[in-house]
Amino acid sequence: VLGILEKQLVVVSLVRDILDRGLTVAIG
């Protein structure tokens, strides 16, 4: 988890992807 948090591009893309899917919460 800490390894992912250090990858800026991965996290920014993930946040954008979740919002693009119309979600507020992504689980597991």
mmCIF file of all heavy atoms, coordinates in Angstrom:
data_MODEL
# 
_entry.id   MODEL 
# 
loop_
_atom_site.group_PDB 
_atom_site.id 
_atom_site.type_symbol 
_atom_site.label_atom_id 
_atom_site.label_alt_id 
_atom_site.label_comp_id 
_atom_site.label_asym_id 
_atom_site.label_entity_id 
_atom_site.label_seq_id 
_atom_site.pdbx_PDB_ins_code 
_atom_site.Cartn_x 
_atom_site.Cartn_y 
_atom_site.Cartn_z 
_atom_site.occupancy 
_atom_site.B_iso_or_equiv 
_atom_site.pdbx_formal_charge 
_atom_site.auth_seq_id 
_atom_site.auth_comp_id 
_atom_site.auth_asym_id 
_atom_site.auth_atom_id 
_atom_site.pdbx_PDB_model_num 
ATOM 1   N N   . VAL A 1 1  ? 0.846   -1.202 0.000   1.00 0.00 ? 1  VAL A N   1 
ATOM 2   C CA  . VAL A 1 1  ? 0.000   0.000  0.000   1.00 0.00 ? 1  VAL A CA  1 
ATOM 3   C C   . VAL A 1 1  ? 0.883   1.254  0.000   1.00 0.00 ? 1  VAL A C   1 
ATOM 4   O O   . VAL A 1 1  ? 0.643   2.196  -0.767  1.00 0.00 ? 1  VAL A O   1 
ATOM 5   C CB  . VAL A 1 1  ? -0.961  0.006  1.208   1.00 0.00 ? 1  VAL A CB  1 
ATOM 6   C CG1 . VAL A 1 1  ? -1.677  1.346  1.317   1.00 0.00 ? 1  VAL A CG1 1 
ATOM 7   C CG2 . VAL A 1 1  ? -1.989  -1.117 1.068   1.00 0.00 ? 1  VAL A CG2 1 
ATOM 8   N N   . LEU A 1 2  ? 1.919   1.264  0.844   1.00 0.00 ? 2  LEU A N   1 
ATOM 9   C CA  . LEU A 1 2  ? 2.837   2.407  0.871   1.00 0.00 ? 2  LEU A CA  1 
ATOM 10  C C   . LEU A 1 2  ? 3.551   2.562  -0.470  1.00 0.00 ? 2  LEU A C   1 
ATOM 11  O O   . LEU A 1 2  ? 3.786   3.686  -0.936  1.00 0.00 ? 2  LEU A O   1 
ATOM 12  C CB  . LEU A 1 2  ? 3.868   2.240  1.998   1.00 0.00 ? 2  LEU A CB  1 
ATOM 13  C CG  . LEU A 1 2  ? 3.335   2.436  3.417   1.00 0.00 ? 2  LEU A CG  1 
ATOM 14  C CD1 . LEU A 1 2  ? 4.395   2.073  4.453   1.00 0.00 ? 2  LEU A CD1 1 
ATOM 15  C CD2 . LEU A 1 2  ? 2.859   3.862  3.640   1.00 0.00 ? 2  LEU A CD2 1 
ATOM 16  N N   . GLY A 1 3  ? 3.853   1.436  -1.104  1.00 0.00 ? 3  GLY A N   1 
ATOM 17  C CA  . GLY A 1 3  ? 4.493   1.478  -2.427  1.00 0.00 ? 3  GLY A CA  1 
ATOM 18  C C   . GLY A 1 3  ? 3.613   2.162  -3.456  1.00 0.00 ? 3  GLY A C   1 
ATOM 19  O O   . GLY A 1 3  ? 4.085   2.969  -4.273  1.00 0.00 ? 3  GLY A O   1 
ATOM 20  N N   . ILE A 1 4  ? 2.308   1.872  -3.398  1.00 0.00 ? 4  ILE A N   1 
ATOM 21  C CA  . ILE A 1 4  ? 1.365   2.521  -4.322  1.00 0.00 ? 4  ILE A CA  1 
ATOM 22  C C   . ILE A 1 4  ? 1.283   4.019  -4.032  1.00 0.00 ? 4  ILE A C   1 
ATOM 23  O O   . ILE A 1 4  ? 1.272   4.853  -4.949  1.00 0.00 ? 4  ILE A O   1 
ATOM 24  C CB  . ILE A 1 4  ? -0.045  1.881  -4.220  1.00 0.00 ? 4  ILE A CB  1 
ATOM 25  C CG1 . ILE A 1 4  ? -0.036  0.468  -4.804  1.00 0.00 ? 4  ILE A CG1 1 
ATOM 26  C CG2 . ILE A 1 4  ? -1.099  2.733  -4.918  1.00 0.00 ? 4  ILE A CG2 1 
ATOM 27  C CD1 . ILE A 1 4  ? 0.148   0.390  -6.305  1.00 0.00 ? 4  ILE A CD1 1 
ATOM 28  N N   . LEU A 1 5  ? 1.225   4.384  -2.750  1.00 0.00 ? 5  LEU A N   1 
ATOM 29  C CA  . LEU A 1 5  ? 1.096   5.802  -2.381  1.00 0.00 ? 5  LEU A CA  1 
ATOM 30  C C   . LEU A 1 5  ? 2.282   6.635  -2.854  1.00 0.00 ? 5  LEU A C   1 
ATOM 31  O O   . LEU A 1 5  ? 2.179   7.847  -3.015  1.00 0.00 ? 5  LEU A O   1 
ATOM 32  C CB  . LEU A 1 5  ? 0.931   5.951  -0.867  1.00 0.00 ? 5  LEU A CB  1 
ATOM 33  C CG  . LEU A 1 5  ? -0.426  5.520  -0.298  1.00 0.00 ? 5  LEU A CG  1 
ATOM 34  C CD1 . LEU A 1 5  ? -0.417  5.585  1.224   1.00 0.00 ? 5  LEU A CD1 1 
ATOM 35  C CD2 . LEU A 1 5  ? -1.562  6.372  -0.857  1.00 0.00 ? 5  LEU A CD2 1 
ATOM 36  N N   . GLU A 1 6  ? 3.420   5.985  -3.080  1.00 0.00 ? 6  GLU A N   1 
ATOM 37  C CA  . GLU A 1 6  ? 4.603   6.709  -3.565  1.00 0.00 ? 6  GLU A CA  1 
ATOM 38  C C   . GLU A 1 6  ? 4.560   6.923  -5.077  1.00 0.00 ? 6  GLU A C   1 
ATOM 39  O O   . GLU A 1 6  ? 5.358   7.684  -5.613  1.00 0.00 ? 6  GLU A O   1 
ATOM 40  C CB  . GLU A 1 6  ? 5.876   5.936  -3.186  1.00 0.00 ? 6  GLU A CB  1 
ATOM 41  C CG  . GLU A 1 6  ? 6.204   6.033  -1.700  1.00 0.00 ? 6  GLU A CG  1 
ATOM 42  C CD  . GLU A 1 6  ? 7.295   5.068  -1.290  1.00 0.00 ? 6  GLU A CD  1 
ATOM 43  O OE1 . GLU A 1 6  ? 7.882   4.405  -2.184  1.00 0.00 ? 6  GLU A OE1 1 
ATOM 44  O OE2 . GLU A 1 6  ? 7.573   4.970  -0.083  1.00 0.00 ? 6  GLU A OE2 1 
ATOM 45  N N   . LYS A 1 7  ? 3.649   6.228  -5.762  1.00 0.00 ? 7  LYS A N   1 
ATOM 46  C CA  . LYS A 1 7  ? 3.579   6.341  -7.229  1.00 0.00 ? 7  LYS A CA  1 
ATOM 47  C C   . LYS A 1 7  ? 2.525   7.373  -7.610  1.00 0.00 ? 7  LYS A C   1 
ATOM 48  O O   . LYS A 1 7  ? 1.340   7.058  -7.732  1.00 0.00 ? 7  LYS A O   1 
ATOM 49  C CB  . LYS A 1 7  ? 3.259   4.982  -7.843  1.00 0.00 ? 7  LYS A CB  1 
ATOM 50  C CG  . LYS A 1 7  ? 4.371   3.964  -7.624  1.00 0.00 ? 7  LYS A CG  1 
ATOM 51  C CD  . LYS A 1 7  ? 4.009   2.600  -8.183  1.00 0.00 ? 7  LYS A CD  1 
ATOM 52  C CE  . LYS A 1 7  ? 5.141   1.615  -7.949  1.00 0.00 ? 7  LYS A CE  1 
ATOM 53  N NZ  . LYS A 1 7  ? 4.749   0.232  -8.242  1.00 0.00 ? 7  LYS A NZ  1 
ATOM 54  N N   . GLN A 1 8  ? 2.974   8.605  -7.765  1.00 0.00 ? 8  GLN A N   1 
ATOM 55  C CA  . GLN A 1 8  ? 2.055   9.722  -7.984  1.00 0.00 ? 8  GLN A CA  1 
ATOM 56  C C   . GLN A 1 8  ? 1.133   9.487  -9.173  1.00 0.00 ? 8  GLN A C   1 
ATOM 57  O O   . GLN A 1 8  ? -0.077  9.680  -9.082  1.00 0.00 ? 8  GLN A O   1 
ATOM 58  C CB  . GLN A 1 8  ? 2.860   11.007 -8.183  1.00 0.00 ? 8  GLN A CB  1 
ATOM 59  C CG  . GLN A 1 8  ? 1.993   12.191 -8.558  1.00 0.00 ? 8  GLN A CG  1 
ATOM 60  C CD  . GLN A 1 8  ? 2.697   13.511 -8.308  1.00 0.00 ? 8  GLN A CD  1 
ATOM 61  O OE1 . GLN A 1 8  ? 3.382   13.669 -7.307  1.00 0.00 ? 8  GLN A OE1 1 
ATOM 62  N NE2 . GLN A 1 8  ? 2.540   14.452 -9.202  1.00 0.00 ? 8  GLN A NE2 1 
ATOM 63  N N   . LEU A 1 9  ? 1.705   9.074  -10.298 1.00 0.00 ? 9  LEU A N   1 
ATOM 64  C CA  . LEU A 1 9  ? 0.900   8.923  -11.522 1.00 0.00 ? 9  LEU A CA  1 
ATOM 65  C C   . LEU A 1 9  ? -0.176  7.851  -11.340 1.00 0.00 ? 9  LEU A C   1 
ATOM 66  O O   . LEU A 1 9  ? -1.316  8.013  -11.787 1.00 0.00 ? 9  LEU A O   1 
ATOM 67  C CB  . LEU A 1 9  ? 1.819   8.568  -12.702 1.00 0.00 ? 9  LEU A CB  1 
ATOM 68  C CG  . LEU A 1 9  ? 1.205   8.659  -14.088 1.00 0.00 ? 9  LEU A CG  1 
ATOM 69  C CD1 . LEU A 1 9  ? 0.693   10.070 -14.368 1.00 0.00 ? 9  LEU A CD1 1 
ATOM 70  C CD2 . LEU A 1 9  ? 2.208   8.247  -15.153 1.00 0.00 ? 9  LEU A CD2 1 
ATOM 71  N N   . VAL A 1 10 ? 0.166   6.745  -10.659 1.00 0.00 ? 10 VAL A N   1 
ATOM 72  C CA  . VAL A 1 10 ? -0.794  5.659  -10.427 1.00 0.00 ? 10 VAL A CA  1 
ATOM 73  C C   . VAL A 1 10 ? -1.966  6.162  -9.584  1.00 0.00 ? 10 VAL A C   1 
ATOM 74  O O   . VAL A 1 10 ? -3.137  5.925  -9.899  1.00 0.00 ? 10 VAL A O   1 
ATOM 75  C CB  . VAL A 1 10 ? -0.109  4.462  -9.719  1.00 0.00 ? 10 VAL A CB  1 
ATOM 76  C CG1 . VAL A 1 10 ? -1.132  3.415  -9.303  1.00 0.00 ? 10 VAL A CG1 1 
ATOM 77  C CG2 . VAL A 1 10 ? 0.934   3.839  -10.629 1.00 0.00 ? 10 VAL A CG2 1 
ATOM 78  N N   . VAL A 1 11 ? -1.649  6.897  -8.518  1.00 0.00 ? 11 VAL A N   1 
ATOM 79  C CA  . VAL A 1 11 ? -2.705  7.367  -7.604  1.00 0.00 ? 11 VAL A CA  1 
ATOM 80  C C   . VAL A 1 11 ? -3.599  8.403  -8.283  1.00 0.00 ? 11 VAL A C   1 
ATOM 81  O O   . VAL A 1 11 ? -4.823  8.341  -8.189  1.00 0.00 ? 11 VAL A O   1 
ATOM 82  C CB  . VAL A 1 11 ? -2.095  7.936  -6.302  1.00 0.00 ? 11 VAL A CB  1 
ATOM 83  C CG1 . VAL A 1 11 ? -3.187  8.489  -5.398  1.00 0.00 ? 11 VAL A CG1 1 
ATOM 84  C CG2 . VAL A 1 11 ? -1.309  6.859  -5.564  1.00 0.00 ? 11 VAL A CG2 1 
ATOM 85  N N   . VAL A 1 12 ? -2.985  9.358  -8.981  1.00 0.00 ? 12 VAL A N   1 
ATOM 86  C CA  . VAL A 1 12 ? -3.763  10.394 -9.679  1.00 0.00 ? 12 VAL A CA  1 
ATOM 87  C C   . VAL A 1 12 ? -4.682  9.747  -10.720 1.00 0.00 ? 12 VAL A C   1 
ATOM 88  O O   . VAL A 1 12 ? -5.864  10.091 -10.831 1.00 0.00 ? 12 VAL A O   1 
ATOM 89  C CB  . VAL A 1 12 ? -2.835  11.447 -10.330 1.00 0.00 ? 12 VAL A CB  1 
ATOM 90  C CG1 . VAL A 1 12 ? -3.621  12.383 -11.237 1.00 0.00 ? 12 VAL A CG1 1 
ATOM 91  C CG2 . VAL A 1 12 ? -2.117  12.255 -9.258  1.00 0.00 ? 12 VAL A CG2 1 
ATOM 92  N N   . SER A 1 13 ? -4.149  8.780  -11.472 1.00 0.00 ? 13 SER A N   1 
ATOM 93  C CA  . SER A 1 13 ? -4.960  8.080  -12.488 1.00 0.00 ? 13 SER A CA  1 
ATOM 94  C C   . SER A 1 13 ? -6.083  7.289  -11.845 1.00 0.00 ? 13 SER A C   1 
ATOM 95  O O   . SER A 1 13 ? -7.204  7.239  -12.362 1.00 0.00 ? 13 SER A O   1 
ATOM 96  C CB  . SER A 1 13 ? -4.078  7.132  -13.317 1.00 0.00 ? 13 SER A CB  1 
ATOM 97  O OG  . SER A 1 13 ? -3.049  7.835  -13.954 1.00 0.00 ? 13 SER A OG  1 
ATOM 98  N N   . LEU A 1 14 ? -5.787  6.658  -10.704 1.00 0.00 ? 14 LEU A N   1 
ATOM 99  C CA  . LEU A 1 14 ? -6.791  5.862  -9.989  1.00 0.00 ? 14 LEU A CA  1 
ATOM 100 C C   . LEU A 1 14 ? -7.938  6.747  -9.510  1.00 0.00 ? 14 LEU A C   1 
ATOM 101 O O   . LEU A 1 14 ? -9.118  6.416  -9.694  1.00 0.00 ? 14 LEU A O   1 
ATOM 102 C CB  . LEU A 1 14 ? -6.131  5.152  -8.810  1.00 0.00 ? 14 LEU A CB  1 
ATOM 103 C CG  . LEU A 1 14 ? -7.051  4.443  -7.812  1.00 0.00 ? 14 LEU A CG  1 
ATOM 104 C CD1 . LEU A 1 14 ? -7.861  3.354  -8.503  1.00 0.00 ? 14 LEU A CD1 1 
ATOM 105 C CD2 . LEU A 1 14 ? -6.239  3.852  -6.654  1.00 0.00 ? 14 LEU A CD2 1 
ATOM 106 N N   . VAL A 1 15 ? -7.603  7.888  -8.900  1.00 0.00 ? 15 VAL A N   1 
ATOM 107 C CA  . VAL A 1 15 ? -8.636  8.811  -8.407  1.00 0.00 ? 15 VAL A CA  1 
ATOM 108 C C   . VAL A 1 15 ? -9.507  9.285  -9.567  1.00 0.00 ? 15 VAL A C   1 
ATOM 109 O O   . VAL A 1 15 ? -10.738 9.300  -9.483  1.00 0.00 ? 15 VAL A O   1 
ATOM 110 C CB  . VAL A 1 15 ? -7.990  10.009 -7.672  1.00 0.00 ? 15 VAL A CB  1 
ATOM 111 C CG1 . VAL A 1 15 ? -9.024  11.088 -7.387  1.00 0.00 ? 15 VAL A CG1 1 
ATOM 112 C CG2 . VAL A 1 15 ? -7.332  9.547  -6.369  1.00 0.00 ? 15 VAL A CG2 1 
ATOM 113 N N   . ARG A 1 16 ? -8.863  9.651  -10.680 1.00 0.00 ? 16 ARG A N   1 
ATOM 114 C CA  . ARG A 1 16 ? -9.626  10.129 -11.839 1.00 0.00 ? 16 ARG A CA  1 
ATOM 115 C C   . ARG A 1 16 ? -10.530 9.023  -12.387 1.00 0.00 ? 16 ARG A C   1 
ATOM 116 O O   . ARG A 1 16 ? -11.681 9.256  -12.745 1.00 0.00 ? 16 ARG A O   1 
ATOM 117 C CB  . ARG A 1 16 ? -8.668  10.625 -12.932 1.00 0.00 ? 16 ARG A CB  1 
ATOM 118 C CG  . ARG A 1 16 ? -9.404  11.296 -14.097 1.00 0.00 ? 16 ARG A CG  1 
ATOM 119 C CD  . ARG A 1 16 ? -8.490  11.659 -15.250 1.00 0.00 ? 16 ARG A CD  1 
ATOM 120 N NE  . ARG A 1 16 ? -7.516  12.656 -14.846 1.00 0.00 ? 16 ARG A NE  1 
ATOM 121 C CZ  . ARG A 1 16 ? -6.205  12.527 -15.018 1.00 0.00 ? 16 ARG A CZ  1 
ATOM 122 N NH1 . ARG A 1 16 ? -5.695  11.434 -15.560 1.00 0.00 ? 16 ARG A NH1 1 
ATOM 123 N NH2 . ARG A 1 16 ? -5.383  13.476 -14.655 1.00 0.00 ? 16 ARG A NH2 1 
ATOM 124 N N   . ASP A 1 17 ? -9.992  7.795  -12.436 1.00 0.00 ? 17 ASP A N   1 
ATOM 125 C CA  . ASP A 1 17 ? -10.762 6.663  -12.965 1.00 0.00 ? 17 ASP A CA  1 
ATOM 126 C C   . ASP A 1 17 ? -12.005 6.389  -12.108 1.00 0.00 ? 17 ASP A C   1 
ATOM 127 O O   . ASP A 1 17 ? -13.096 6.153  -12.632 1.00 0.00 ? 17 ASP A O   1 
ATOM 128 C CB  . ASP A 1 17 ? -9.863  5.423  -13.015 1.00 0.00 ? 17 ASP A CB  1 
ATOM 129 C CG  . ASP A 1 17 ? -10.636 4.165  -13.424 1.00 0.00 ? 17 ASP A CG  1 
ATOM 130 O OD1 . ASP A 1 17 ? -11.230 4.181  -14.520 1.00 0.00 ? 17 ASP A OD1 1 
ATOM 131 O OD2 . ASP A 1 17 ? -10.668 3.199  -12.644 1.00 0.00 ? 17 ASP A OD2 1 
ATOM 132 N N   . ILE A 1 18 ? -11.839 6.448  -10.788 1.00 0.00 ? 18 ILE A N   1 
ATOM 133 C CA  . ILE A 1 18 ? -12.977 6.193  -9.890  1.00 0.00 ? 18 ILE A CA  1 
ATOM 134 C C   . ILE A 1 18 ? -14.060 7.253  -10.106 1.00 0.00 ? 18 ILE A C   1 
ATOM 135 O O   . ILE A 1 18 ? -15.250 6.937  -10.226 1.00 0.00 ? 18 ILE A O   1 
ATOM 136 C CB  . ILE A 1 18 ? -12.507 6.157  -8.423  1.00 0.00 ? 18 ILE A CB  1 
ATOM 137 C CG1 . ILE A 1 18 ? -11.636 4.924  -8.187  1.00 0.00 ? 18 ILE A CG1 1 
ATOM 138 C CG2 . ILE A 1 18 ? -13.699 6.151  -7.464  1.00 0.00 ? 18 ILE A CG2 1 
ATOM 139 C CD1 . ILE A 1 18 ? -10.905 4.921  -6.860  1.00 0.00 ? 18 ILE A CD1 1 
ATOM 140 N N   . LEU A 1 19 ? -13.652 8.521  -10.191 1.00 0.00 ? 19 LEU A N   1 
ATOM 141 C CA  . LEU A 1 19 ? -14.622 9.594  -10.419 1.00 0.00 ? 19 LEU A CA  1 
ATOM 142 C C   . LEU A 1 19 ? -15.273 9.468  -11.789 1.00 0.00 ? 19 LEU A C   1 
ATOM 143 O O   . LEU A 1 19 ? -16.475 9.692  -11.940 1.00 0.00 ? 19 LEU A O   1 
ATOM 144 C CB  . LEU A 1 19 ? -13.939 10.961 -10.272 1.00 0.00 ? 19 LEU A CB  1 
ATOM 145 C CG  . LEU A 1 19 ? -13.540 11.350 -8.839  1.00 0.00 ? 19 LEU A CG  1 
ATOM 146 C CD1 . LEU A 1 19 ? -12.636 12.573 -8.835  1.00 0.00 ? 19 LEU A CD1 1 
ATOM 147 C CD2 . LEU A 1 19 ? -14.782 11.611 -7.980  1.00 0.00 ? 19 LEU A CD2 1 
ATOM 148 N N   . ASP A 1 20 ? -14.473 9.081  -12.803 1.00 0.00 ? 20 ASP A N   1 
ATOM 149 C CA  . ASP A 1 20 ? -15.024 8.906  -14.157 1.00 0.00 ? 20 ASP A CA  1 
ATOM 150 C C   . ASP A 1 20 ? -16.069 7.797  -14.204 1.00 0.00 ? 20 ASP A C   1 
ATOM 151 O O   . ASP A 1 20 ? -16.990 7.816  -15.022 1.00 0.00 ? 20 ASP A O   1 
ATOM 152 C CB  . ASP A 1 20 ? -13.905 8.593  -15.171 1.00 0.00 ? 20 ASP A CB  1 
ATOM 153 C CG  . ASP A 1 20 ? -13.065 9.817  -15.508 1.00 0.00 ? 20 ASP A CG  1 
ATOM 154 O OD1 . ASP A 1 20 ? -13.476 10.932 -15.130 1.00 0.00 ? 20 ASP A OD1 1 
ATOM 155 O OD2 . ASP A 1 20 ? -11.999 9.653  -16.133 1.00 0.00 ? 20 ASP A OD2 1 
ATOM 156 N N   . ARG A 1 21 ? -15.919 6.796  -13.306 1.00 0.00 ? 21 ARG A N   1 
ATOM 157 C CA  . ARG A 1 21 ? -16.896 5.693  -13.255 1.00 0.00 ? 21 ARG A CA  1 
ATOM 158 C C   . ARG A 1 21 ? -18.135 6.082  -12.449 1.00 0.00 ? 21 ARG A C   1 
ATOM 159 O O   . ARG A 1 21 ? -19.043 5.272  -12.276 1.00 0.00 ? 21 ARG A O   1 
ATOM 160 C CB  . ARG A 1 21 ? -16.243 4.451  -12.634 1.00 0.00 ? 21 ARG A CB  1 
ATOM 161 C CG  . ARG A 1 21 ? -15.322 3.697  -13.587 1.00 0.00 ? 21 ARG A CG  1 
ATOM 162 C CD  . ARG A 1 21 ? -14.899 2.375  -12.969 1.00 0.00 ? 21 ARG A CD  1 
ATOM 163 N NE  . ARG A 1 21 ? -13.733 2.501  -12.111 1.00 0.00 ? 21 ARG A NE  1 
ATOM 164 C CZ  . ARG A 1 21 ? -13.448 1.668  -11.103 1.00 0.00 ? 21 ARG A CZ  1 
ATOM 165 N NH1 . ARG A 1 21 ? -14.267 0.673  -10.810 1.00 0.00 ? 21 ARG A NH1 1 
ATOM 166 N NH2 . ARG A 1 21 ? -12.360 1.844  -10.388 1.00 0.00 ? 21 ARG A NH2 1 
ATOM 167 N N   . GLY A 1 22 ? -18.145 7.313  -11.957 1.00 0.00 ? 22 GLY A N   1 
ATOM 168 C CA  . GLY A 1 22 ? -19.318 7.780  -11.211 1.00 0.00 ? 22 GLY A CA  1 
ATOM 169 C C   . GLY A 1 22 ? -19.374 7.265  -9.792  1.00 0.00 ? 22 GLY A C   1 
ATOM 170 O O   . GLY A 1 22 ? -20.429 7.274  -9.155  1.00 0.00 ? 22 GLY A O   1 
ATOM 171 N N   . LEU A 1 23 ? -18.241 6.801  -9.280  1.00 0.00 ? 23 LEU A N   1 
ATOM 172 C CA  . LEU A 1 23 ? -18.212 6.260  -7.917  1.00 0.00 ? 23 LEU A CA  1 
ATOM 173 C C   . LEU A 1 23 ? -17.722 7.312  -6.931  1.00 0.00 ? 23 LEU A C   1 
ATOM 174 O O   . LEU A 1 23 ? -16.967 8.218  -7.283  1.00 0.00 ? 23 LEU A O   1 
ATOM 175 C CB  . LEU A 1 23 ? -17.269 5.049  -7.841  1.00 0.00 ? 23 LEU A CB  1 
ATOM 176 C CG  . LEU A 1 23 ? -17.684 3.773  -8.573  1.00 0.00 ? 23 LEU A CG  1 
ATOM 177 C CD1 . LEU A 1 23 ? -16.560 2.747  -8.509  1.00 0.00 ? 23 LEU A CD1 1 
ATOM 178 C CD2 . LEU A 1 23 ? -18.950 3.186  -7.967  1.00 0.00 ? 23 LEU A CD2 1 
ATOM 179 N N   . THR A 1 24 ? -18.145 7.185  -5.694  1.00 0.00 ? 24 THR A N   1 
ATOM 180 C CA  . THR A 1 24 ? -17.593 7.961  -4.588  1.00 0.00 ? 24 THR A CA  1 
ATOM 181 C C   . THR A 1 24 ? -16.693 7.049  -3.756  1.00 0.00 ? 24 THR A C   1 
ATOM 182 O O   . THR A 1 24 ? -15.730 7.499  -3.159  1.00 0.00 ? 24 THR A O   1 
ATOM 183 C CB  . THR A 1 24 ? -18.733 8.485  -3.683  1.00 0.00 ? 24 THR A CB  1 
ATOM 184 O OG1 . THR A 1 24 ? -19.703 9.122  -4.502  1.00 0.00 ? 24 THR A OG1 1 
ATOM 185 C CG2 . THR A 1 24 ? -18.228 9.463  -2.655  1.00 0.00 ? 24 THR A CG2 1 
ATOM 186 N N   . VAL A 1 25 ? -17.032 5.760  -3.738  1.00 0.00 ? 25 VAL A N   1 
ATOM 187 C CA  . VAL A 1 25 ? -16.298 4.778  -2.944  1.00 0.00 ? 25 VAL A CA  1 
ATOM 188 C C   . VAL A 1 25 ? -15.915 3.605  -3.848  1.00 0.00 ? 25 VAL A C   1 
ATOM 189 O O   . VAL A 1 25 ? -16.768 3.063  -4.556  1.00 0.00 ? 25 VAL A O   1 
ATOM 190 C CB  . VAL A 1 25 ? -17.168 4.235  -1.782  1.00 0.00 ? 25 VAL A CB  1 
ATOM 191 C CG1 . VAL A 1 25 ? -16.361 3.267  -0.924  1.00 0.00 ? 25 VAL A CG1 1 
ATOM 192 C CG2 . VAL A 1 25 ? -17.714 5.370  -0.935  1.00 0.00 ? 25 VAL A CG2 1 
ATOM 193 N N   . ALA A 1 26 ? -14.633 3.235  -3.827  1.00 0.00 ? 26 ALA A N   1 
ATOM 194 C CA  . ALA A 1 26 ? -14.174 2.012  -4.498  1.00 0.00 ? 26 ALA A CA  1 
ATOM 195 C C   . ALA A 1 26 ? -13.697 1.059  -3.410  1.00 0.00 ? 26 ALA A C   1 
ATOM 196 O O   . ALA A 1 26 ? -12.873 1.429  -2.569  1.00 0.00 ? 26 ALA A O   1 
ATOM 197 C CB  . ALA A 1 26 ? -13.052 2.324  -5.479  1.00 0.00 ? 26 ALA A CB  1 
ATOM 198 N N   . ILE A 1 27 ? -14.231 -0.151 -3.424  1.00 0.00 ? 27 ILE A N   1 
ATOM 199 C CA  . ILE A 1 27 ? -13.977 -1.121 -2.349  1.00 0.00 ? 27 ILE A CA  1 
ATOM 200 C C   . ILE A 1 27 ? -13.173 -2.296 -2.897  1.00 0.00 ? 27 ILE A C   1 
ATOM 201 O O   . ILE A 1 27 ? -13.597 -2.968 -3.838  1.00 0.00 ? 27 ILE A O   1 
ATOM 202 C CB  . ILE A 1 27 ? -15.315 -1.637 -1.767  1.00 0.00 ? 27 ILE A CB  1 
ATOM 203 C CG1 . ILE A 1 27 ? -16.137 -0.470 -1.196  1.00 0.00 ? 27 ILE A CG1 1 
ATOM 204 C CG2 . ILE A 1 27 ? -15.061 -2.692 -0.689  1.00 0.00 ? 27 ILE A CG2 1 
ATOM 205 C CD1 . ILE A 1 27 ? -17.585 -0.821 -0.897  1.00 0.00 ? 27 ILE A CD1 1 
ATOM 206 N N   . GLY A 1 28 ? -11.994 -2.532 -2.292  1.00 0.00 ? 28 GLY A N   1 
ATOM 207 C CA  . GLY A 1 28 ? -11.200 -3.702 -2.650  1.00 0.00 ? 28 GLY A CA  1 
ATOM 208 C C   . GLY A 1 28 ? -10.877 -3.786 -4.124  1.00 0.00 ? 28 GLY A C   1 
ATOM 209 O O   . GLY A 1 28 ? -10.263 -2.885 -4.705  1.00 0.00 ? 28 GLY A O   1 
# 
